[in-house]
Amino acid sequence: MGAKDIIVKPIQPSVGNAFVKSQHYSGKVVPNSQVHLGVFYAGKLEGVMQFGPSLDKKKTQTLVSDTAWNGFIELNRMAFSSALLKNSEPRAIAIAMRHIRKNAKHIDWVISFADATQCGDGTIYRASGFVLTGIKKNTGLRRNPETGEVIQNMVAFRRGIEKEFRGWPKMEGFQLRYVYFIKPDARKKLTVDEMPFSEIAKM
């Protein structure tokens, strides 16, 4: 058996959330995820991809001109177990994109972020046809010195703890922004420059 033998299909949110909490480096899920896809290998759940609206949707929408309010979605959680074989992750993403193309025809593009501050710089995204559209030094992640929890500034705002959050130490590192074009014509409307992957090493 190999990567071609994986099966990707919708799963219940509760199943996806439990898997992500156990396998994702953050141990957290994004509450507003709407699409939950499971990656099965040899009959067992070995991966989950969760999609939903971006936290800062109004700002994100402007990355591609003429994008409808519901014309894009964010891949906001992706977790795979070590049981998956080489090339399984890019194949799973390819199947997920075909699922979106077929079942959500209003979606033009998908955005996702690689947290190089705590995890990796998006190797799987680059192998899956995503375009690199941004690299920025982390300014939004801080660590709670008492609990060790790392949260993002938008989460702090929603929790009503902005004052405490500003006093926490910043995490050192970078965040990379990737875009996948479900509809090829949307790529022509990108309002920011595409960046060569070589920029990652330079930064």
C-alpha atoms as a PDB file:
ATOM      1  CA  MET A   1       0.000   0.000   0.000  1.00  0.00           C
ATOM      2  CA  GLY A   2       1.133   3.573  -0.643  1.00  0.00           C
ATOM      3  CA  ALA A   3       0.038   7.206  -0.918  1.00  0.00           C
ATOM      4  CA  LYS A   4      -2.367   6.322  -3.742  1.00  0.00           C
ATOM      5  CA  ASP A   5      -4.324   4.138  -1.341  1.00  0.00           C
ATOM      6  CA  ILE A   6      -5.427   6.953   0.976  1.00  0.00           C
ATOM      7  CA  ILE A   7      -9.101   7.892   1.047  1.00  0.00           C
ATOM      8  CA  VAL A   8     -10.245  11.451   1.771  1.00  0.00           C
ATOM      9  CA  LYS A   9     -13.858  12.020   2.761  1.00  0.00           C
ATOM     10  CA  PRO A  10     -16.025  14.240   4.975  1.00  0.00           C
ATOM     11  CA  ILE A  11     -16.148  13.404   8.678  1.00  0.00           C
ATOM     12  CA  GLN A  12     -18.102  14.645  11.647  1.00  0.00           C
ATOM     13  CA  PRO A  13     -16.700  17.836  13.245  1.00  0.00           C
ATOM     14  CA  SER A  14     -16.364  16.092  16.615  1.00  0.00           C
ATOM     15  CA  VAL A  15     -14.204  13.374  15.061  1.00  0.00           C
ATOM     16  CA  GLY A  16     -12.030  15.911  13.263  1.00  0.00           C
ATOM     17  CA  ASN A  17     -11.642  18.101  16.330  1.00  0.00           C
ATOM     18  CA  ALA A  18     -10.593  15.179  18.524  1.00  0.00           C
ATOM     19  CA  PHE A  19      -7.947  14.126  16.006  1.00  0.00           C
ATOM     20  CA  VAL A  20      -6.568  17.638  15.550  1.00  0.00           C
ATOM     21  CA  LYS A  21      -6.311  18.188  19.302  1.00  0.00           C
ATOM     22  CA  SER A  22      -4.304  14.998  19.617  1.00  0.00           C
ATOM     23  CA  GLN A  23      -2.036  15.470  16.569  1.00  0.00           C
ATOM     24  CA  HIS A  24      -1.635  19.190  15.832  1.00  0.00           C
ATOM     25  CA  TYR A  25       1.328  20.920  17.480  1.00  0.00           C
ATOM     26  CA  SER A  26      -0.975  23.597  18.966  1.00  0.00           C
ATOM     27  CA  GLY A  27      -3.382  21.097  20.482  1.00  0.00           C
ATOM     28  CA  LYS A  28      -6.198  23.430  19.412  1.00  0.00           C
ATOM     29  CA  VAL A  29      -8.923  23.657  16.785  1.00  0.00           C
ATOM     30  CA  VAL A  30     -10.403  26.706  15.079  1.00  0.00           C
ATOM     31  CA  PRO A  31     -14.015  26.946  16.333  1.00  0.00           C
ATOM     32  CA  ASN A  32     -15.489  28.268  13.075  1.00  0.00           C
ATOM     33  CA  SER A  33     -14.250  25.449  10.846  1.00  0.00           C
ATOM     34  CA  GLN A  34     -17.018  24.408   8.475  1.00  0.00           C
ATOM     35  CA  VAL A  35     -15.516  21.646   6.313  1.00  0.00           C
ATOM     36  CA  HIS A  36     -13.907  18.630   7.976  1.00  0.00           C
ATOM     37  CA  LEU A  37     -12.137  16.099   5.759  1.00  0.00           C
ATOM     38  CA  GLY A  38     -10.596  12.916   7.086  1.00  0.00           C
ATOM     39  CA  VAL A  39      -7.638  11.120   5.546  1.00  0.00           C
ATOM     40  CA  PHE A  40      -7.955   7.357   5.898  1.00  0.00           C
ATOM     41  CA  TYR A  41      -5.207   4.804   5.339  1.00  0.00           C
ATOM     42  CA  ALA A  42      -5.758   1.073   5.728  1.00  0.00           C
ATOM     43  CA  GLY A  43      -9.211   1.877   7.100  1.00  0.00           C
ATOM     44  CA  LYS A  44      -7.936   4.095   9.903  1.00  0.00           C
ATOM     45  CA  LEU A  45      -8.175   7.870  10.321  1.00  0.00           C
ATOM     46  CA  GLU A  46      -4.622   9.189   9.933  1.00  0.00           C
ATOM     47  CA  GLY A  47      -5.165  12.819   8.979  1.00  0.00           C
ATOM     48  CA  VAL A  48      -7.617  15.723   9.133  1.00  0.00           C
ATOM     49  CA  MET A  49      -7.969  18.943   7.137  1.00  0.00           C
ATOM     50  CA  GLN A  50     -10.342  21.638   8.402  1.00  0.00           C
ATOM     51  CA  PHE A  51     -11.536  24.643   6.389  1.00  0.00           C
ATOM     52  CA  GLY A  52     -13.470  27.728   7.437  1.00  0.00           C
ATOM     53  CA  PRO A  53     -13.687  31.541   7.203  1.00  0.00           C
ATOM     54  CA  SER A  54     -10.539  33.563   7.874  1.00  0.00           C
ATOM     55  CA  LEU A  55     -10.401  35.346  11.227  1.00  0.00           C
ATOM     56  CA  ASP A  56      -9.805  38.697   9.518  1.00  0.00           C
ATOM     57  CA  LYS A  57     -12.021  37.971   6.532  1.00  0.00           C
ATOM     58  CA  LYS A  58     -12.482  41.565   5.341  1.00  0.00           C
ATOM     59  CA  LYS A  59      -8.740  42.117   5.034  1.00  0.00           C
ATOM     60  CA  THR A  60      -8.015  38.707   3.559  1.00  0.00           C
ATOM     61  CA  GLN A  61     -10.666  39.141   0.876  1.00  0.00           C
ATOM     62  CA  THR A  62      -8.615  41.935  -0.722  1.00  0.00           C
ATOM     63  CA  LEU A  63      -5.731  39.595  -1.597  1.00  0.00           C
ATOM     64  CA  VAL A  64      -7.572  38.695  -4.795  1.00  0.00           C
ATOM     65  CA  SER A  65      -9.592  41.436  -6.460  1.00  0.00           C
ATOM     66  CA  ASP A  66     -13.273  40.934  -7.231  1.00  0.00           C
ATOM     67  CA  THR A  67     -13.539  38.116  -4.692  1.00  0.00           C
ATOM     68  CA  ALA A  68     -17.051  37.576  -3.369  1.00  0.00           C
ATOM     69  CA  TRP A  69     -17.570  37.501   0.398  1.00  0.00           C
ATOM     70  CA  ASN A  70     -17.982  33.726   0.214  1.00  0.00           C
ATOM     71  CA  GLY A  71     -15.490  33.293  -2.644  1.00  0.00           C
ATOM     72  CA  PHE A  72     -12.585  32.033  -0.556  1.00  0.00           C
ATOM     73  CA  ILE A  73     -11.939  29.800   2.415  1.00  0.00           C
ATOM     74  CA  GLU A  74      -9.048  29.126   4.778  1.00  0.00           C
ATOM     75  CA  LEU A  75      -7.352  25.808   5.400  1.00  0.00           C
ATOM     76  CA  ASN A  76      -7.013  26.581   9.078  1.00  0.00           C
ATOM     77  CA  ARG A  77      -5.979  23.232  10.519  1.00  0.00           C
ATOM     78  CA  MET A  78      -4.089  20.341   8.986  1.00  0.00           C
ATOM     79  CA  ALA A  79      -2.841  17.401  11.022  1.00  0.00           C
ATOM     80  CA  PHE A  80      -1.380  14.094   9.847  1.00  0.00           C
ATOM     81  CA  SER A  81      -0.122  11.109  11.802  1.00  0.00           C
ATOM     82  CA  SER A  82       3.290   9.539  11.258  1.00  0.00           C
ATOM     83  CA  ALA A  83       1.565   6.444   9.845  1.00  0.00           C
ATOM     84  CA  LEU A  84       1.027   8.141   6.476  1.00  0.00           C
ATOM     85  CA  LEU A  85       3.611   7.278   3.847  1.00  0.00           C
ATOM     86  CA  LYS A  86       5.709   9.656   1.752  1.00  0.00           C
ATOM     87  CA  ASN A  87       3.708  11.956  -0.553  1.00  0.00           C
ATOM     88  CA  SER A  88       0.443  11.191   1.270  1.00  0.00           C
ATOM     89  CA  GLU A  89       0.001  14.779   2.469  1.00  0.00           C
ATOM     90  CA  PRO A  90       0.223  16.487  -0.958  1.00  0.00           C
ATOM     91  CA  ARG A  91      -2.074  13.823  -2.378  1.00  0.00           C
ATOM     92  CA  ALA A  92      -4.574  14.398   0.433  1.00  0.00           C
ATOM     93  CA  ILE A  93      -4.537  18.145  -0.237  1.00  0.00           C
ATOM     94  CA  ALA A  94      -5.045  17.576  -3.978  1.00  0.00           C
ATOM     95  CA  ILE A  95      -8.100  15.416  -3.254  1.00  0.00           C
ATOM     96  CA  ALA A  96      -9.412  18.019  -0.803  1.00  0.00           C
ATOM     97  CA  MET A  97      -9.124  20.755  -3.435  1.00  0.00           C
ATOM     98  CA  ARG A  98     -11.010  18.627  -5.944  1.00  0.00           C
ATOM     99  CA  HIS A  99     -13.696  18.096  -3.305  1.00  0.00           C
ATOM    100  CA  ILE A 100     -14.041  21.862  -2.823  1.00  0.00           C
ATOM    101  CA  ARG A 101     -14.037  22.491  -6.580  1.00  0.00           C
ATOM    102  CA  LYS A 102     -16.850  19.977  -7.053  1.00  0.00           C
ATOM    103  CA  ASN A 103     -19.008  20.725  -4.019  1.00  0.00           C
ATOM    104  CA  ALA A 104     -18.423  24.436  -3.381  1.00  0.00           C
ATOM    105  CA  LYS A 105     -18.395  26.008  -6.809  1.00  0.00           C
ATOM    106  CA  HIS A 106     -18.474  29.520  -5.343  1.00  0.00           C
ATOM    107  CA  ILE A 107     -14.962  29.102  -3.869  1.00  0.00           C
ATOM    108  CA  ASP A 108     -12.259  30.667  -6.075  1.00  0.00           C
ATOM    109  CA  TRP A 109      -9.229  30.248  -3.850  1.00  0.00           C
ATOM    110  CA  VAL A 110      -7.938  28.880  -0.563  1.00  0.00           C
ATOM    111  CA  ILE A 111      -5.596  30.615   1.866  1.00  0.00           C
ATOM    112  CA  SER A 112      -3.431  29.016   4.521  1.00  0.00           C
ATOM    113  CA  PHE A 113      -0.552  29.976   6.782  1.00  0.00           C
ATOM    114  CA  ALA A 114       2.619  28.187   7.809  1.00  0.00           C
ATOM    115  CA  ASP A 115       3.657  28.970  11.366  1.00  0.00           C
ATOM    116  CA  ALA A 116       7.434  28.963  11.058  1.00  0.00           C
ATOM    117  CA  THR A 117       7.566  30.396  14.567  1.00  0.00           C
ATOM    118  CA  GLN A 118       6.440  27.115  16.127  1.00  0.00           C
ATOM    119  CA  CYS A 119       6.351  24.569  13.328  1.00  0.00           C
ATOM    120  CA  GLY A 120       7.479  24.402   9.661  1.00  0.00           C
ATOM    121  CA  ASP A 121       7.674  26.799   6.733  1.00  0.00           C
ATOM    122  CA  GLY A 122       5.127  25.096   4.483  1.00  0.00           C
ATOM    123  CA  THR A 123       6.949  22.272   2.681  1.00  0.00           C
ATOM    124  CA  ILE A 124       3.658  20.467   2.112  1.00  0.00           C
ATOM    125  CA  TYR A 125       2.040  23.600   0.677  1.00  0.00           C
ATOM    126  CA  ARG A 126       4.869  24.092  -1.796  1.00  0.00           C
ATOM    127  CA  ALA A 127       4.574  20.466  -2.890  1.00  0.00           C
ATOM    128  CA  SER A 128       0.813  20.874  -3.338  1.00  0.00           C
ATOM    129  CA  GLY A 129       0.681  23.797  -5.759  1.00  0.00           C
ATOM    130  CA  PHE A 130       0.213  26.673  -3.328  1.00  0.00           C
ATOM    131  CA  VAL A 131       1.696  30.075  -4.196  1.00  0.00           C
ATOM    132  CA  LEU A 132       3.788  31.910  -1.607  1.00  0.00           C
ATOM    133  CA  THR A 133       2.387  35.422  -1.167  1.00  0.00           C
ATOM    134  CA  GLY A 134       3.904  36.690   2.044  1.00  0.00           C
ATOM    135  CA  ILE A 135       6.602  36.248   4.677  1.00  0.00           C
ATOM    136  CA  LYS A 136       6.460  38.388   7.773  1.00  0.00           C
ATOM    137  CA  LYS A 137       8.157  38.458  11.107  1.00  0.00           C
ATOM    138  CA  ASN A 138       5.821  37.310  13.834  1.00  0.00           C
ATOM    139  CA  THR A 139       4.031  40.112  15.654  1.00  0.00           C
ATOM    140  CA  GLY A 140       0.779  38.360  16.523  1.00  0.00           C
ATOM    141  CA  LEU A 141       1.850  35.380  18.634  1.00  0.00           C
ATOM    142  CA  ARG A 142       2.695  35.715  22.310  1.00  0.00           C
ATOM    143  CA  ARG A 143       3.204  33.180  25.089  1.00  0.00           C
ATOM    144  CA  ASN A 144       1.387  33.316  28.413  1.00  0.00           C
ATOM    145  CA  PRO A 145       4.274  33.234  30.925  1.00  0.00           C
ATOM    146  CA  GLU A 146       2.103  31.531  33.546  1.00  0.00           C
ATOM    147  CA  THR A 147       0.500  28.755  31.499  1.00  0.00           C
ATOM    148  CA  GLY A 148       2.851  28.489  28.525  1.00  0.00           C
ATOM    149  CA  GLU A 149      -0.110  28.826  26.143  1.00  0.00           C
ATOM    150  CA  VAL A 150       0.652  30.538  22.828  1.00  0.00           C
ATOM    151  CA  ILE A 151      -2.206  32.563  21.319  1.00  0.00           C
ATOM    152  CA  GLN A 152      -2.676  34.989  18.469  1.00  0.00           C
ATOM    153  CA  ASN A 153      -3.670  38.654  18.867  1.00  0.00           C
ATOM    154  CA  MET A 154      -7.101  38.166  17.296  1.00  0.00           C
ATOM    155  CA  VAL A 155      -7.817  35.364  19.779  1.00  0.00           C
ATOM    156  CA  ALA A 156      -6.751  37.629  22.637  1.00  0.00           C
ATOM    157  CA  PHE A 157      -9.155  40.280  21.360  1.00  0.00           C
ATOM    158  CA  ARG A 158     -12.031  37.820  21.210  1.00  0.00           C
ATOM    159  CA  ARG A 159     -11.282  36.606  24.723  1.00  0.00           C
ATOM    160  CA  GLY A 160     -11.155  40.185  26.012  1.00  0.00           C
ATOM    161  CA  ILE A 161      -7.606  39.892  27.346  1.00  0.00           C
ATOM    162  CA  GLU A 162      -5.814  42.395  25.084  1.00  0.00           C
ATOM    163  CA  LYS A 163      -4.233  44.245  28.037  1.00  0.00           C
ATOM    164  CA  GLU A 164      -2.683  41.123  29.547  1.00  0.00           C
ATOM    165  CA  PHE A 165      -1.718  39.876  26.087  1.00  0.00           C
ATOM    166  CA  ARG A 166       0.359  42.968  25.316  1.00  0.00           C
ATOM    167  CA  GLY A 167       2.508  42.248  28.349  1.00  0.00           C
ATOM    168  CA  TRP A 168       3.345  38.696  27.345  1.00  0.00           C
ATOM    169  CA  PRO A 169       6.673  37.978  25.568  1.00  0.00           C
ATOM    170  CA  LYS A 170       6.534  37.805  21.769  1.00  0.00           C
ATOM    171  CA  MET A 171       7.376  34.592  19.970  1.00  0.00           C
ATOM    172  CA  GLU A 172      10.411  34.908  17.700  1.00  0.00           C
ATOM    173  CA  GLY A 173       9.966  33.690  14.136  1.00  0.00           C
ATOM    174  CA  PHE A 174       8.036  34.135  10.918  1.00  0.00           C
ATOM    175  CA  GLN A 175       4.624  33.460   9.404  1.00  0.00           C
ATOM    176  CA  LEU A 176       4.257  32.514   5.752  1.00  0.00           C
ATOM    177  CA  ARG A 177       1.109  33.061   3.717  1.00  0.00           C
ATOM    178  CA  TYR A 178       0.143  30.662   0.931  1.00  0.00           C
ATOM    179  CA  VAL A 179      -2.694  30.737  -1.605  1.00  0.00           C
ATOM    180  CA  TYR A 180      -4.097  27.906  -3.712  1.00  0.00           C
ATOM    181  CA  PHE A 181      -6.198  28.840  -6.724  1.00  0.00           C
ATOM    182  CA  ILE A 182      -9.230  26.609  -7.169  1.00  0.00           C
ATOM    183  CA  LYS A 183     -10.099  28.624 -10.256  1.00  0.00           C
ATOM    184  CA  PRO A 184      -6.971  29.437 -12.328  1.00  0.00           C
ATOM    185  CA  ASP A 185      -8.376  32.780 -13.514  1.00  0.00           C
ATOM    186  CA  ALA A 186      -8.319  34.053  -9.919  1.00  0.00           C
ATOM    187  CA  ARG A 187      -4.536  33.958  -9.985  1.00  0.00           C
ATOM    188  CA  LYS A 188      -4.529  36.834 -12.470  1.00  0.00           C
ATOM    189  CA  LYS A 189      -6.349  38.957  -9.885  1.00  0.00           C
ATOM    190  CA  LEU A 190      -3.832  38.498  -7.068  1.00  0.00           C
ATOM    191  CA  THR A 191      -3.195  41.954  -5.593  1.00  0.00           C
ATOM    192  CA  VAL A 192       0.172  41.107  -4.026  1.00  0.00           C
ATOM    193  CA  ASP A 193       3.320  39.759  -5.607  1.00  0.00           C
ATOM    194  CA  GLU A 194       4.005  36.062  -5.835  1.00  0.00           C
ATOM    195  CA  MET A 195       7.239  35.295  -4.011  1.00  0.00           C
ATOM    196  CA  PRO A 196       9.829  32.739  -5.128  1.00  0.00           C
ATOM    197  CA  PHE A 197      10.322  29.957  -2.595  1.00  0.00           C
ATOM    198  CA  SER A 198      14.004  30.922  -2.433  1.00  0.00           C
ATOM    199  CA  GLU A 199      12.949  33.951  -0.360  1.00  0.00           C
ATOM    200  CA  ILE A 200      12.232  31.650   2.567  1.00  0.00           C
ATOM    201  CA  ALA A 201      15.900  30.765   3.022  1.00  0.00           C
ATOM    202  CA  LYS A 202      16.912  34.399   2.573  1.00  0.00           C
ATOM    203  CA  MET A 203      14.572  35.550   5.308  1.00  0.00           C
END
